[in-house]
Amino acid sequence: MKDFSTELGELRKRVGEAAKYLNVETSRGLLIELEVEVAKPDLWNDQEHAKKINSQYVAVKSDLDEFDQLSNTLDDLFVLHELAREADDSSQEPELDSGVSACRSKLDLLEMRSMFTGEHDGCDAILQINAKDGGVDAQDWSEMLLRMYRRWAELKSFGFEIGDISIGTEAGILSADVTIRGRYVYGLLTSERGTHRLVRISPFDNQ
């Protein structure tokens, strides 16, 4: 039976650190206050204020639910690991291994989100793709980029809406304006600017 004590211990330490940089306890208090606000019968008398409060409530609750789920999953893995080791039951190794990997990935995501401190990092984003003067190859590459961003949005469960698109003269696209909707989309896409080049490498180049 494989010993997962080190991996689980490291994850528990990271969860403890996450609770601090995510201000979990402060967020729990804020959630209670927001629940009171959301429940007020006259909340929607001021629609702009109501939308702001409701959006904040959903965001805080989502963060806490995600953190609590991660923490509970890790607790379950500790129990499963202890029982499996006592019984020397190696059949539980795949579940423990996948559970550790899943927790590690979620923690990586939480740590990345903690770096999003910009005013608009939590917002939706408008993405513009432009082939410029690169000819047919650039137009073809632009369409490939559009498909890649669409697939990325689908994997993240983000909304993806093409607002305007100009089809290429022979192939691909000349340009496209895309709105991607979801939390932290702007922060995630901040680095996606400038020129993206496609370099085709022959498998025979290194021979």
Protein backbone atom coordinates (compact mmCIF):
# COMPACT_ATOMS: atom_id res chain seq x y z
CA MET A 1 0.00 0.00 0.00
CA LYS A 2 1.49 3.32 -1.10
CA ASP A 3 1.97 5.93 1.62
CA PHE A 4 0.32 9.24 0.71
CA SER A 5 1.10 10.90 4.05
CA THR A 6 3.58 13.40 2.60
CA GLU A 7 1.32 14.49 -0.27
CA LEU A 8 -1.73 14.81 1.99
CA GLY A 9 0.27 16.71 4.59
CA GLU A 10 1.49 19.19 1.98
CA LEU A 11 -2.05 19.68 0.71
CA ARG A 12 -3.38 20.33 4.20
CA LYS A 13 -0.67 22.93 4.72
CA ARG A 14 -1.58 24.62 1.44
CA VAL A 15 -5.28 24.62 2.38
CA GLY A 16 -4.38 26.35 5.64
CA GLU A 17 -2.39 28.96 3.72
CA ALA A 18 -5.26 29.38 1.26
CA ALA A 19 -7.66 30.10 4.13
CA LYS A 20 -5.43 33.04 5.06
CA TYR A 21 -4.81 34.62 1.66
CA LEU A 22 -8.45 34.10 0.67
CA ASN A 23 -9.59 35.69 3.96
CA VAL A 24 -12.03 32.83 4.47
CA GLU A 25 -13.17 33.82 7.97
CA THR A 26 -13.74 37.42 6.91
CA SER A 27 -15.67 36.17 3.89
CA ARG A 28 -17.92 34.05 6.11
CA GLY A 29 -18.87 37.15 8.07
CA LEU A 30 -19.41 39.09 4.86
CA LEU A 31 -21.63 36.31 3.50
CA ILE A 32 -23.92 36.57 6.53
CA GLU A 33 -24.24 40.32 5.98
CA LEU A 34 -24.94 39.85 2.28
CA GLU A 35 -27.58 37.19 3.00
CA VAL A 36 -29.41 39.75 5.12
CA GLU A 37 -29.19 42.33 2.32
CA VAL A 38 -30.35 39.88 -0.36
CA ALA A 39 -33.36 38.88 1.76
CA LYS A 40 -34.63 42.46 2.14
CA PRO A 41 -38.03 42.82 0.38
CA ASP A 42 -37.21 46.32 -0.88
CA LEU A 43 -33.81 45.36 -2.30
CA TRP A 44 -34.88 45.67 -5.94
CA ASN A 45 -36.29 49.15 -5.48
CA ASP A 46 -32.80 50.26 -6.48
CA GLN A 47 -31.89 47.88 -9.30
CA GLU A 48 -28.29 49.00 -9.71
CA HIS A 49 -27.63 48.51 -5.99
CA ALA A 50 -29.49 45.18 -6.04
CA LYS A 51 -27.41 43.87 -8.95
CA LYS A 52 -24.20 44.88 -7.19
CA ILE A 53 -25.24 43.20 -3.92
CA ASN A 54 -26.48 40.07 -5.67
CA SER A 55 -23.30 39.78 -7.74
CA GLN A 56 -21.16 40.17 -4.64
CA TYR A 57 -23.24 37.59 -2.79
CA VAL A 58 -22.91 35.03 -5.58
CA ALA A 59 -19.14 35.60 -5.83
CA VAL A 60 -18.49 35.30 -2.08
CA LYS A 61 -20.73 32.24 -1.72
CA SER A 62 -19.10 30.58 -4.73
CA ASP A 63 -15.61 31.12 -3.30
CA LEU A 64 -16.58 29.75 0.12
CA ASP A 65 -18.40 26.75 -1.36
CA GLU A 66 -15.36 25.95 -3.48
CA PHE A 67 -13.00 26.26 -0.51
CA ASP A 68 -15.25 24.18 1.77
CA GLN A 69 -15.64 21.48 -0.86
CA LEU A 70 -11.87 21.29 -1.26
CA SER A 71 -11.35 21.15 2.50
CA ASN A 72 -14.00 18.43 2.93
CA THR A 73 -12.58 16.39 0.06
CA LEU A 74 -9.14 16.52 1.65
CA ASP A 75 -10.58 15.40 5.00
CA ASP A 76 -12.24 12.45 3.24
CA LEU A 77 -8.93 11.53 1.60
CA PHE A 78 -7.20 11.52 4.99
CA VAL A 79 -9.83 9.13 6.36
CA LEU A 80 -9.67 6.89 3.28
CA HIS A 81 -5.88 6.82 3.45
CA GLU A 82 -5.88 5.88 7.12
CA LEU A 83 -8.41 3.08 6.64
CA ALA A 84 -6.61 1.75 3.55
CA ARG A 85 -3.26 1.67 5.33
CA GLU A 86 -4.73 -0.11 8.36
CA ALA A 87 -6.24 -2.75 6.07
CA ASP A 88 -3.25 -2.72 3.71
CA ASP A 89 -5.79 -2.24 0.93
CA SER A 90 -3.88 -1.23 -2.20
CA SER A 91 -7.11 -1.19 -4.24
CA GLN A 92 -7.73 2.33 -2.85
CA GLU A 93 -4.52 3.70 -4.36
CA PRO A 94 -6.09 4.87 -7.66
CA GLU A 95 -8.82 6.81 -5.83
CA LEU A 96 -6.29 8.37 -3.47
CA ASP A 97 -3.95 9.23 -6.32
CA SER A 98 -6.68 10.89 -8.39
CA GLY A 99 -8.03 12.66 -5.31
CA VAL A 100 -4.62 14.10 -4.44
CA SER A 101 -4.14 15.28 -8.04
CA ALA A 102 -7.60 16.90 -8.11
CA CYS A 103 -6.99 18.74 -4.83
CA ARG A 104 -3.60 19.91 -6.05
CA SER A 105 -5.13 21.29 -9.26
CA LYS A 106 -7.86 23.12 -7.35
CA LEU A 107 -5.30 24.65 -5.00
CA ASP A 108 -3.19 25.75 -7.97
CA LEU A 109 -6.27 27.52 -9.34
CA LEU A 110 -7.04 29.20 -6.01
CA GLU A 111 -3.44 30.40 -5.71
CA MET A 112 -3.56 31.81 -9.22
CA ARG A 113 -6.84 33.61 -8.50
CA SER A 114 -5.32 35.19 -5.40
CA MET A 115 -2.96 37.08 -7.73
CA PHE A 116 -5.87 38.72 -9.55
CA THR A 117 -5.93 42.05 -7.74
CA GLY A 118 -6.78 44.32 -10.66
CA GLU A 119 -10.04 46.25 -10.72
CA HIS A 120 -11.38 44.31 -13.71
CA ASP A 121 -9.71 40.91 -13.18
CA GLY A 122 -12.96 39.27 -12.08
CA CYS A 123 -14.95 40.55 -15.06
CA ASP A 124 -15.90 39.29 -18.52
CA ALA A 125 -13.59 40.08 -21.42
CA ILE A 126 -13.84 41.18 -25.04
CA LEU A 127 -11.28 39.45 -27.24
CA GLN A 128 -10.30 40.77 -30.66
CA ILE A 129 -8.53 38.61 -33.24
CA ASN A 130 -7.09 40.30 -36.33
CA ALA A 131 -5.15 38.72 -39.19
CA LYS A 132 -3.84 42.16 -40.29
CA ASP A 133 -1.66 41.98 -43.42
CA GLY A 134 -0.42 38.41 -43.09
CA GLY A 135 -2.30 37.05 -46.08
CA VAL A 136 -4.11 33.73 -46.32
CA ASP A 137 -1.84 31.97 -43.82
CA ALA A 138 -2.54 34.62 -41.19
CA GLN A 139 -6.28 34.40 -41.88
CA ASP A 140 -6.17 30.63 -41.50
CA TRP A 141 -4.19 30.99 -38.26
CA SER A 142 -6.70 33.54 -36.96
CA GLU A 143 -9.52 31.04 -37.44
CA MET A 144 -7.47 28.41 -35.61
CA LEU A 145 -7.00 30.87 -32.72
CA LEU A 146 -10.74 31.50 -32.64
CA ARG A 147 -11.41 27.76 -32.36
CA MET A 148 -8.76 27.42 -29.64
CA TYR A 149 -10.28 30.21 -27.54
CA ARG A 150 -13.76 28.74 -28.03
CA ARG A 151 -12.54 25.35 -26.84
CA TRP A 152 -10.75 26.96 -23.88
CA ALA A 153 -13.97 28.74 -22.89
CA GLU A 154 -15.96 25.50 -23.16
CA LEU A 155 -13.49 23.65 -20.93
CA LYS A 156 -13.79 26.45 -18.34
CA SER A 157 -17.60 26.53 -18.67
CA PHE A 158 -17.42 30.17 -19.77
CA GLY A 159 -19.91 31.81 -22.09
CA PHE A 160 -18.57 32.41 -25.62
CA GLU A 161 -20.28 34.82 -28.00
CA ILE A 162 -19.02 35.99 -31.39
CA GLY A 163 -20.21 39.56 -31.84
CA ASP A 164 -18.67 40.36 -35.21
CA ILE A 165 -16.68 38.28 -37.66
CA SER A 166 -15.17 38.98 -41.08
CA ILE A 167 -14.53 35.94 -43.26
CA GLY A 168 -11.21 35.67 -45.09
CA THR A 169 -10.88 36.14 -48.83
CA GLU A 170 -9.78 32.55 -49.49
CA ALA A 171 -9.70 30.83 -46.11
CA GLY A 172 -9.94 31.53 -42.40
CA ILE A 173 -11.06 34.88 -41.00
CA LEU A 174 -9.88 38.48 -41.32
CA SER A 175 -11.05 39.44 -37.84
CA ALA A 176 -13.40 38.53 -35.01
CA ASP A 177 -14.73 40.21 -31.88
CA VAL A 178 -15.60 37.76 -29.13
CA THR A 179 -17.15 38.24 -25.70
CA ILE A 180 -16.17 35.61 -23.15
CA ARG A 181 -18.29 35.64 -20.00
CA GLY A 182 -17.30 34.19 -16.66
CA ARG A 183 -15.58 34.98 -13.41
CA TYR A 184 -11.91 35.94 -13.71
CA VAL A 185 -12.02 35.78 -17.51
CA TYR A 186 -10.39 39.20 -17.83
CA GLY A 187 -7.63 38.26 -15.39
CA LEU A 188 -6.99 34.97 -17.15
CA LEU A 189 -6.80 36.62 -20.57
CA THR A 190 -4.76 39.69 -19.60
CA SER A 191 -1.56 38.18 -21.00
CA GLU A 192 -3.26 37.24 -24.29
CA ARG A 193 -2.21 40.36 -26.17
CA GLY A 194 0.18 41.21 -28.96
CA THR A 195 1.11 39.08 -31.94
CA HIS A 196 0.54 35.32 -31.90
CA ARG A 197 2.63 33.52 -34.50
CA LEU A 198 2.28 30.02 -35.89
CA VAL A 199 5.61 28.32 -36.54
CA ARG A 200 5.41 25.10 -38.51
CA ILE A 201 8.25 22.73 -37.60
CA SER A 202 9.06 19.82 -39.87
CA PRO A 203 9.63 16.48 -38.11
CA PHE A 204 12.74 16.18 -40.30
CA ASP A 205 14.35 19.43 -39.05
CA ASN A 206 16.34 17.72 -36.30
CA GLN A 207 17.44 14.80 -38.40
